[in-house]
Amino acid sequence: GTVKFVYNDASKDETYVSAVEEVVANEGRID
């Protein structure tokens, strides 16, 4: 497989969304 990093800080609510959006922006989807 391929392993990548995406930023997510549990104390910052906005990073829950930004993490998902970055994955989708990079890969086109999240399964």
Full PDB file with SEQRES, HELIX, SHEET, SSBOND, CRYST1, ORIGX, SCALE, CONECT and MASTER records, all heavy atoms in Angstrom:
SEQRES   1 A   31  GLY THR VAL LYS PHE VAL TYR ASN ASP ALA SER LYS ASP          
SEQRES   2 A   31  GLU THR TYR VAL SER ALA VAL GLU GLU VAL VAL ALA ASN          
SEQRES   3 A   31  GLU GLY ARG ILE ASP                                          
HELIX    1 AA1 GLU A   14  GLU A   27  1                                  14    
CRYST1    1.000    1.000    1.000  90.00  90.00  90.00 P 1           1          
ORIGX1      1.000000  0.000000  0.000000        0.00000                         
ORIGX2      0.000000  1.000000  0.000000        0.00000                         
ORIGX3      0.000000  0.000000  1.000000        0.00000                         
SCALE1      1.000000  0.000000  0.000000        0.00000                         
SCALE2      0.000000  1.000000  0.000000        0.00000                         
SCALE3      0.000000  0.000000  1.000000        0.00000                         
ATOM      1  N   GLY A   1       0.800  -1.210   0.000  1.00  0.00           N  
ATOM      2  CA  GLY A   1       0.000   0.000   0.000  1.00  0.00           C  
ATOM      3  C   GLY A   1       0.838   1.267   0.000  1.00  0.00           C  
ATOM      4  O   GLY A   1       2.063   1.241  -0.145  1.00  0.00           O  
ATOM      5  N   THR A   2       0.146   2.399   0.172  1.00  0.00           N  
ATOM      6  CA  THR A   2       0.789   3.709   0.229  1.00  0.00           C  
ATOM      7  C   THR A   2       0.355   4.410   1.508  1.00  0.00           C  
ATOM      8  O   THR A   2      -0.841   4.464   1.801  1.00  0.00           O  
ATOM      9  CB  THR A   2       0.390   4.572  -0.983  1.00  0.00           C  
ATOM     10  OG1 THR A   2       0.750   3.891  -2.179  1.00  0.00           O  
ATOM     11  CG2 THR A   2       1.078   5.923  -0.948  1.00  0.00           C  
ATOM     12  N   VAL A   3       1.290   4.926   2.260  1.00  0.00           N  
ATOM     13  CA  VAL A   3       0.978   5.613   3.515  1.00  0.00           C  
ATOM     14  C   VAL A   3       1.343   7.087   3.394  1.00  0.00           C  
ATOM     15  O   VAL A   3       2.447   7.423   2.949  1.00  0.00           O  
ATOM     16  CB  VAL A   3       1.736   4.977   4.701  1.00  0.00           C  
ATOM     17  CG1 VAL A   3       1.372   5.700   5.997  1.00  0.00           C  
ATOM     18  CG2 VAL A   3       1.403   3.500   4.821  1.00  0.00           C  
ATOM     19  N   LYS A   4       0.421   7.942   3.799  1.00  0.00           N  
ATOM     20  CA  LYS A   4       0.614   9.384   3.708  1.00  0.00           C  
ATOM     21  C   LYS A   4       0.201  10.048   5.022  1.00  0.00           C  
ATOM     22  O   LYS A   4      -0.511   9.447   5.836  1.00  0.00           O  
ATOM     23  CB  LYS A   4      -0.197   9.977   2.557  1.00  0.00           C  
ATOM     24  CG  LYS A   4       0.072   9.331   1.201  1.00  0.00           C  
ATOM     25  CD  LYS A   4      -0.738   9.984   0.100  1.00  0.00           C  
ATOM     26  CE  LYS A   4      -0.495   9.311  -1.244  1.00  0.00           C  
ATOM     27  NZ  LYS A   4      -1.239   9.982  -2.340  1.00  0.00           N  
ATOM     28  N   PHE A   5       0.619  11.278   5.195  1.00  0.00           N  
ATOM     29  CA  PHE A   5       0.274  12.054   6.387  1.00  0.00           C  
ATOM     30  C   PHE A   5      -0.717  13.158   6.037  1.00  0.00           C  
ATOM     31  O   PHE A   5      -0.596  13.809   4.990  1.00  0.00           O  
ATOM     32  CB  PHE A   5       1.526  12.685   6.998  1.00  0.00           C  
ATOM     33  CG  PHE A   5       1.229  13.723   8.053  1.00  0.00           C  
ATOM     34  CD1 PHE A   5       0.814  13.351   9.326  1.00  0.00           C  
ATOM     35  CD2 PHE A   5       1.352  15.075   7.765  1.00  0.00           C  
ATOM     36  CE1 PHE A   5       0.529  14.301  10.289  1.00  0.00           C  
ATOM     37  CE2 PHE A   5       1.080  16.043   8.727  1.00  0.00           C  
ATOM     38  CZ  PHE A   5       0.665  15.653   9.988  1.00  0.00           C  
ATOM     39  N   VAL A   6      -1.687  13.377   6.925  1.00  0.00           N  
ATOM     40  CA  VAL A   6      -2.572  14.525   6.825  1.00  0.00           C  
ATOM     41  C   VAL A   6      -2.761  15.089   8.229  1.00  0.00           C  
ATOM     42  O   VAL A   6      -2.889  14.340   9.205  1.00  0.00           O  
ATOM     43  CB  VAL A   6      -3.929  14.154   6.174  1.00  0.00           C  
ATOM     44  CG1 VAL A   6      -4.708  13.160   7.023  1.00  0.00           C  
ATOM     45  CG2 VAL A   6      -4.754  15.394   5.900  1.00  0.00           C  
ATOM     46  N   TYR A   7      -2.753  16.398   8.330  1.00  0.00           N  
ATOM     47  CA  TYR A   7      -2.793  17.052   9.640  1.00  0.00           C  
ATOM     48  C   TYR A   7      -4.190  17.010  10.251  1.00  0.00           C  
ATOM     49  O   TYR A   7      -5.183  17.331   9.607  1.00  0.00           O  
ATOM     50  CB  TYR A   7      -2.351  18.513   9.508  1.00  0.00           C  
ATOM     51  CG  TYR A   7      -2.389  19.280  10.808  1.00  0.00           C  
ATOM     52  CD1 TYR A   7      -1.468  19.014  11.822  1.00  0.00           C  
ATOM     53  CD2 TYR A   7      -3.350  20.264  11.023  1.00  0.00           C  
ATOM     54  CE1 TYR A   7      -1.488  19.718  13.011  1.00  0.00           C  
ATOM     55  CE2 TYR A   7      -3.382  20.975  12.217  1.00  0.00           C  
ATOM     56  CZ  TYR A   7      -2.454  20.696  13.208  1.00  0.00           C  
ATOM     57  OH  TYR A   7      -2.493  21.385  14.399  1.00  0.00           O  
ATOM     58  N   ASN A   8      -4.234  16.591  11.506  1.00  0.00           N  
ATOM     59  CA  ASN A   8      -5.478  16.605  12.276  1.00  0.00           C  
ATOM     60  C   ASN A   8      -5.128  16.769  13.746  1.00  0.00           C  
ATOM     61  O   ASN A   8      -4.395  15.956  14.308  1.00  0.00           O  
ATOM     62  CB  ASN A   8      -6.273  15.316  12.068  1.00  0.00           C  
ATOM     63  CG  ASN A   8      -7.445  15.169  13.036  1.00  0.00           C  
ATOM     64  OD1 ASN A   8      -7.581  14.154  13.698  1.00  0.00           O  
ATOM     65  ND2 ASN A   8      -8.290  16.178  13.134  1.00  0.00           N  
ATOM     66  N   ASP A   9      -5.641  17.828  14.354  1.00  0.00           N  
ATOM     67  CA  ASP A   9      -5.432  18.100  15.776  1.00  0.00           C  
ATOM     68  C   ASP A   9      -6.784  18.003  16.465  1.00  0.00           C  
ATOM     69  O   ASP A   9      -7.697  18.782  16.176  1.00  0.00           O  
ATOM     70  CB  ASP A   9      -4.829  19.493  15.960  1.00  0.00           C  
ATOM     71  CG  ASP A   9      -4.487  19.807  17.404  1.00  0.00           C  
ATOM     72  OD1 ASP A   9      -5.038  19.141  18.318  1.00  0.00           O  
ATOM     73  OD2 ASP A   9      -3.686  20.725  17.643  1.00  0.00           O  
ATOM     74  N   ALA A  10      -6.906  17.049  17.375  1.00  0.00           N  
ATOM     75  CA  ALA A  10      -8.206  16.802  18.022  1.00  0.00           C  
ATOM     76  C   ALA A  10      -8.732  18.019  18.767  1.00  0.00           C  
ATOM     77  O   ALA A  10      -9.938  18.125  19.001  1.00  0.00           O  
ATOM     78  CB  ALA A  10      -8.085  15.621  18.972  1.00  0.00           C  
ATOM     79  N   SER A  11      -7.855  18.930  19.153  1.00  0.00           N  
ATOM     80  CA  SER A  11      -8.294  20.122  19.887  1.00  0.00           C  
ATOM     81  C   SER A  11      -8.766  21.241  18.953  1.00  0.00           C  
ATOM     82  O   SER A  11      -9.242  22.279  19.413  1.00  0.00           O  
ATOM     83  CB  SER A  11      -7.155  20.648  20.768  1.00  0.00           C  
ATOM     84  OG  SER A  11      -6.095  21.153  19.975  1.00  0.00           O  
ATOM     85  N   LYS A  12      -8.649  21.034  17.648  1.00  0.00           N  
ATOM     86  CA  LYS A  12      -9.047  22.049  16.661  1.00  0.00           C  
ATOM     87  C   LYS A  12     -10.099  21.452  15.738  1.00  0.00           C  
ATOM     88  O   LYS A  12      -9.787  20.701  14.814  1.00  0.00           O  
ATOM     89  CB  LYS A  12      -7.822  22.516  15.870  1.00  0.00           C  
ATOM     90  CG  LYS A  12      -6.748  23.156  16.746  1.00  0.00           C  
ATOM     91  CD  LYS A  12      -5.508  23.528  15.937  1.00  0.00           C  
ATOM     92  CE  LYS A  12      -4.444  24.152  16.845  1.00  0.00           C  
ATOM     93  NZ  LYS A  12      -3.210  24.475  16.093  1.00  0.00           N  
ATOM     94  N   ASP A  13     -11.352  21.823  15.990  1.00  0.00           N  
ATOM     95  CA  ASP A  13     -12.471  21.220  15.260  1.00  0.00           C  
ATOM     96  C   ASP A  13     -12.328  21.311  13.756  1.00  0.00           C  
ATOM     97  O   ASP A  13     -12.693  20.388  13.025  1.00  0.00           O  
ATOM     98  CB  ASP A  13     -13.778  21.891  15.680  1.00  0.00           C  
ATOM     99  CG  ASP A  13     -14.151  21.616  17.125  1.00  0.00           C  
ATOM    100  OD1 ASP A  13     -13.340  20.987  17.839  1.00  0.00           O  
ATOM    101  OD2 ASP A  13     -15.248  22.038  17.545  1.00  0.00           O  
ATOM    102  N   GLU A  14     -11.794  22.436  13.266  1.00  0.00           N  
ATOM    103  CA  GLU A  14     -11.726  22.654  11.827  1.00  0.00           C  
ATOM    104  C   GLU A  14     -10.824  21.635  11.128  1.00  0.00           C  
ATOM    105  O   GLU A  14     -10.981  21.377   9.926  1.00  0.00           O  
ATOM    106  CB  GLU A  14     -11.241  24.072  11.519  1.00  0.00           C  
ATOM    107  CG  GLU A  14      -9.819  24.387  11.932  1.00  0.00           C  
ATOM    108  CD  GLU A  14      -9.659  24.834  13.385  1.00  0.00           C  
ATOM    109  OE1 GLU A  14     -10.641  24.697  14.160  1.00  0.00           O  
ATOM    110  OE2 GLU A  14      -8.578  25.324  13.730  1.00  0.00           O  
ATOM    111  N   THR A  15      -9.898  21.040  11.871  1.00  0.00           N  
ATOM    112  CA  THR A  15      -8.978  20.099  11.226  1.00  0.00           C  
ATOM    113  C   THR A  15      -9.616  18.738  10.963  1.00  0.00           C  
ATOM    114  O   THR A  15      -9.089  17.961  10.168  1.00  0.00           O  
ATOM    115  CB  THR A  15      -7.688  19.910  12.052  1.00  0.00           C  
ATOM    116  OG1 THR A  15      -7.973  19.206  13.270  1.00  0.00           O  
ATOM    117  CG2 THR A  15      -7.038  21.244  12.362  1.00  0.00           C  
ATOM    118  N   TYR A  16     -10.734  18.443  11.601  1.00  0.00           N  
ATOM    119  CA  TYR A  16     -11.455  17.219  11.263  1.00  0.00           C  
ATOM    120  C   TYR A  16     -11.939  17.299   9.823  1.00  0.00           C  
ATOM    121  O   TYR A  16     -11.828  16.346   9.054  1.00  0.00           O  
ATOM    122  CB  TYR A  16     -12.654  17.013  12.191  1.00  0.00           C  
ATOM    123  CG  TYR A  16     -12.299  16.751  13.630  1.00  0.00           C  
ATOM    124  CD1 TYR A  16     -12.728  17.600  14.632  1.00  0.00           C  
ATOM    125  CD2 TYR A  16     -11.541  15.648  13.980  1.00  0.00           C  
ATOM    126  CE1 TYR A  16     -12.417  17.363  15.964  1.00  0.00           C  
ATOM    127  CE2 TYR A  16     -11.223  15.397  15.302  1.00  0.00           C  
ATOM    128  CZ  TYR A  16     -11.667  16.261  16.291  1.00  0.00           C  
ATOM    129  OH  TYR A  16     -11.351  16.025  17.599  1.00  0.00           O  
ATOM    130  N   VAL A  17     -12.483  18.462   9.482  1.00  0.00           N  
ATOM    131  CA  VAL A  17     -12.983  18.673   8.123  1.00  0.00           C  
ATOM    132  C   VAL A  17     -11.834  18.842   7.133  1.00  0.00           C  
ATOM    133  O   VAL A  17     -11.836  18.238   6.058  1.00  0.00           O  
ATOM    134  CB  VAL A  17     -13.914  19.905   8.071  1.00  0.00           C  
ATOM    135  CG1 VAL A  17     -14.377  20.173   6.639  1.00  0.00           C  
ATOM    136  CG2 VAL A  17     -15.109  19.707   8.991  1.00  0.00           C  
ATOM    137  N   SER A  18     -10.847  19.636   7.491  1.00  0.00           N  
ATOM    138  CA  SER A  18      -9.751  19.897   6.559  1.00  0.00           C  
ATOM    139  C   SER A  18      -8.969  18.634   6.229  1.00  0.00           C  
ATOM    140  O   SER A  18      -8.477  18.473   5.101  1.00  0.00           O  
ATOM    141  CB  SER A  18      -8.817  20.978   7.117  1.00  0.00           C  
ATOM    142  OG  SER A  18      -8.174  20.533   8.304  1.00  0.00           O  
ATOM    143  N   ALA A  19      -8.851  17.718   7.193  1.00  0.00           N  
ATOM    144  CA  ALA A  19      -8.150  16.465   6.934  1.00  0.00           C  
ATOM    145  C   ALA A  19      -8.870  15.652   5.865  1.00  0.00           C  
ATOM    146  O   ALA A  19      -8.257  15.148   4.912  1.00  0.00           O  
ATOM    147  CB  ALA A  19      -8.010  15.649   8.219  1.00  0.00           C  
ATOM    148  N   VAL A  20     -10.185  15.522   6.011  1.00  0.00           N  
ATOM    149  CA  VAL A  20     -10.979  14.794   5.023  1.00  0.00           C  
ATOM    150  C   VAL A  20     -10.886  15.470   3.660  1.00  0.00           C  
ATOM    151  O   VAL A  20     -10.688  14.809   2.630  1.00  0.00           O  
ATOM    152  CB  VAL A  20     -12.450  14.679   5.469  1.00  0.00           C  
ATOM    153  CG1 VAL A  20     -13.312  14.108   4.345  1.00  0.00           C  
ATOM    154  CG2 VAL A  20     -12.564  13.810   6.711  1.00  0.00           C  
ATOM    155  N   GLU A  21     -11.009  16.801   3.647  1.00  0.00           N  
ATOM    156  CA  GLU A  21     -10.979  17.531   2.382  1.00  0.00           C  
ATOM    157  C   GLU A  21      -9.634  17.389   1.684  1.00  0.00           C  
ATOM    158  O   GLU A  21      -9.563  17.314   0.451  1.00  0.00           O  
ATOM    159  CB  GLU A  21     -11.314  19.004   2.620  1.00  0.00           C  
ATOM    160  CG  GLU A  21     -12.734  19.262   3.102  1.00  0.00           C  
ATOM    161  CD  GLU A  21     -13.782  18.734   2.133  1.00  0.00           C  
ATOM    162  OE1 GLU A  21     -13.560  18.794   0.904  1.00  0.00           O  
ATOM    163  OE2 GLU A  21     -14.832  18.244   2.605  1.00  0.00           O  
ATOM    164  N   GLU A  22      -8.558  17.339   2.449  1.00  0.00           N  
ATOM    165  CA  GLU A  22      -7.239  17.171   1.846  1.00  0.00           C  
ATOM    166  C   GLU A  22      -7.088  15.791   1.223  1.00  0.00           C  
ATOM    167  O   GLU A  22      -6.525  15.643   0.127  1.00  0.00           O  
ATOM    168  CB  GLU A  22      -6.135  17.402   2.874  1.00  0.00           C  
ATOM    169  CG  GLU A  22      -4.732  17.314   2.283  1.00  0.00           C  
ATOM    170  CD  GLU A  22      -3.643  17.698   3.257  1.00  0.00           C  
ATOM    171  OE1 GLU A  22      -3.914  18.453   4.206  1.00  0.00           O  
ATOM    172  OE2 GLU A  22      -2.498  17.222   3.067  1.00  0.00           O  
ATOM    173  N   VAL A  23      -7.589  14.772   1.918  1.00  0.00           N  
ATOM    174  CA  VAL A  23      -7.550  13.415   1.363  1.00  0.00           C  
ATOM    175  C   VAL A  23      -8.307  13.370   0.042  1.00  0.00           C  
ATOM    176  O   VAL A  23      -7.808  12.834  -0.963  1.00  0.00           O  
ATOM    177  CB  VAL A  23      -8.135  12.399   2.358  1.00  0.00           C  
ATOM    178  CG1 VAL A  23      -8.289  11.030   1.694  1.00  0.00           C  
ATOM    179  CG2 VAL A  23      -7.255  12.281   3.594  1.00  0.00           C  
ATOM    180  N   VAL A  24      -9.493  13.933   0.016  1.00  0.00           N  
ATOM    181  CA  VAL A  24     -10.320  13.911  -1.201  1.00  0.00           C  
ATOM    182  C   VAL A  24      -9.681  14.737  -2.307  1.00  0.00           C  
ATOM    183  O   VAL A  24      -9.698  14.341  -3.482  1.00  0.00           O  
ATOM    184  CB  VAL A  24     -11.745  14.402  -0.897  1.00  0.00           C  
ATOM    185  CG1 VAL A  24     -12.571  14.513  -2.174  1.00  0.00           C  
ATOM    186  CG2 VAL A  24     -12.435  13.466   0.090  1.00  0.00           C  
ATOM    187  N   ALA A  25      -9.090  15.870  -1.939  1.00  0.00           N  
ATOM    188  CA  ALA A  25      -8.417  16.701  -2.944  1.00  0.00           C  
ATOM    189  C   ALA A  25      -7.254  15.953  -3.580  1.00  0.00           C  
ATOM    190  O   ALA A  25      -7.013  16.060  -4.794  1.00  0.00           O  
ATOM    191  CB  ALA A  25      -7.928  17.997  -2.302  1.00  0.00           C  
ATOM    192  N   ASN A  26      -6.543  15.174  -2.774  1.00  0.00           N  
ATOM    193  CA  ASN A  26      -5.377  14.438  -3.276  1.00  0.00           C  
ATOM    194  C   ASN A  26      -5.756  13.197  -4.068  1.00  0.00           C  
ATOM    195  O   ASN A  26      -5.114  12.858  -5.072  1.00  0.00           O  
ATOM    196  CB  ASN A  26      -4.474  14.024  -2.116  1.00  0.00           C  
ATOM    197  CG  ASN A  26      -3.796  15.198  -1.456  1.00  0.00           C  
ATOM    198  OD1 ASN A  26      -3.721  16.296  -2.018  1.00  0.00           O  
ATOM    199  ND2 ASN A  26      -3.290  14.984  -0.246  1.00  0.00           N  
ATOM    200  N   GLU A  27      -6.788  12.489  -3.588  1.00  0.00           N  
ATOM    201  CA  GLU A  27      -7.094  11.162  -4.148  1.00  0.00           C  
ATOM    202  C   GLU A  27      -8.381  11.104  -4.959  1.00  0.00           C  
ATOM    203  O   GLU A  27      -8.645  10.121  -5.639  1.00  0.00           O  
ATOM    204  CB  GLU A  27      -7.176  10.129  -3.014  1.00  0.00           C  
ATOM    205  CG  GLU A  27      -6.001  10.147  -2.051  1.00  0.00           C  
ATOM    206  CD  GLU A  27      -4.680   9.799  -2.707  1.00  0.00           C  
ATOM    207  OE1 GLU A  27      -4.698   9.116  -3.764  1.00  0.00           O  
ATOM    208  OE2 GLU A  27      -3.632  10.210  -2.174  1.00  0.00           O  
ATOM    209  N   GLY A  28      -9.213  12.130  -4.823  1.00  0.00           N  
ATOM    210  CA  GLY A  28     -10.471  12.146  -5.550  1.00  0.00           C  
ATOM    211  C   GLY A  28     -11.621  11.487  -4.819  1.00  0.00           C  
ATOM    212  O   GLY A  28     -12.772  11.552  -5.263  1.00  0.00           O  
ATOM    213  N   ARG A  29     -11.331  10.873  -3.666  1.00  0.00           N  
ATOM    214  CA  ARG A  29     -12.388  10.187  -2.917  1.00  0.00           C  
ATOM    215  C   ARG A  29     -11.843   9.745  -1.558  1.00  0.00           C  
ATOM    216  O   ARG A  29     -10.639   9.801  -1.309  1.00  0.00           O  
ATOM    217  CB  ARG A  29     -12.892   8.967  -3.676  1.00  0.00           C  
ATOM    218  CG  ARG A  29     -11.874   7.834  -3.774  1.00  0.00           C  
ATOM    219  CD  ARG A  29     -12.361   6.737  -4.692  1.00  0.00           C  
ATOM    220  NE  ARG A  29     -11.593   5.521  -4.558  1.00  0.00           N  
ATOM    221  CZ  ARG A  29     -10.437   5.300  -5.171  1.00  0.00           C  
ATOM    222  NH1 ARG A  29      -9.914   6.234  -5.954  1.00  0.00           N  
ATOM    223  NH2 ARG A  29      -9.807   4.148  -5.005  1.00  0.00           N  
ATOM    224  N   ILE A  30     -12.748   9.285  -0.703  1.00  0.00           N  
ATOM    225  CA  ILE A  30     -12.383   8.594   0.527  1.00  0.00           C  
ATOM    226  C   ILE A  30     -13.337   7.415   0.671  1.00  0.00           C  
ATOM    227  O   ILE A  30     -14.560   7.581   0.665  1.00  0.00           O  
ATOM    228  CB  ILE A  30     -12.427   9.528   1.761  1.00  0.00           C  
ATOM    229  CG1 ILE A  30     -12.008   8.759   3.016  1.00  0.00           C  
ATOM    230  CG2 ILE A  30     -13.789  10.200   1.929  1.00  0.00           C  
ATOM    231  CD1 ILE A  30     -11.760   9.664   4.220  1.00  0.00           C  
ATOM    232  N   ASP A  31     -12.778   6.227   0.748  1.00  0.00           N  
ATOM    233  CA  ASP A  31     -13.586   5.008   0.806  1.00  0.00           C  
ATOM    234  C   ASP A  31     -13.798   4.504   2.221  1.00  0.00           C  
ATOM    235  O   ASP A  31     -14.839   3.917   2.525  1.00  0.00           O  
ATOM    236  CB  ASP A  31     -12.901   3.894  -0.002  1.00  0.00           C  
ATOM    237  CG  ASP A  31     -12.709   4.265  -1.455  1.00  0.00           C  
ATOM    238  OD1 ASP A  31     -13.711   4.601  -2.110  1.00  0.00           O  
ATOM    239  OD2 ASP A  31     -11.553   4.228  -1.932  1.00  0.00           O  
TER     240      ASP A  31                                                      
MASTER        0    0    0    1    0    0    0    6  239    1    0    3          
END                                                                             
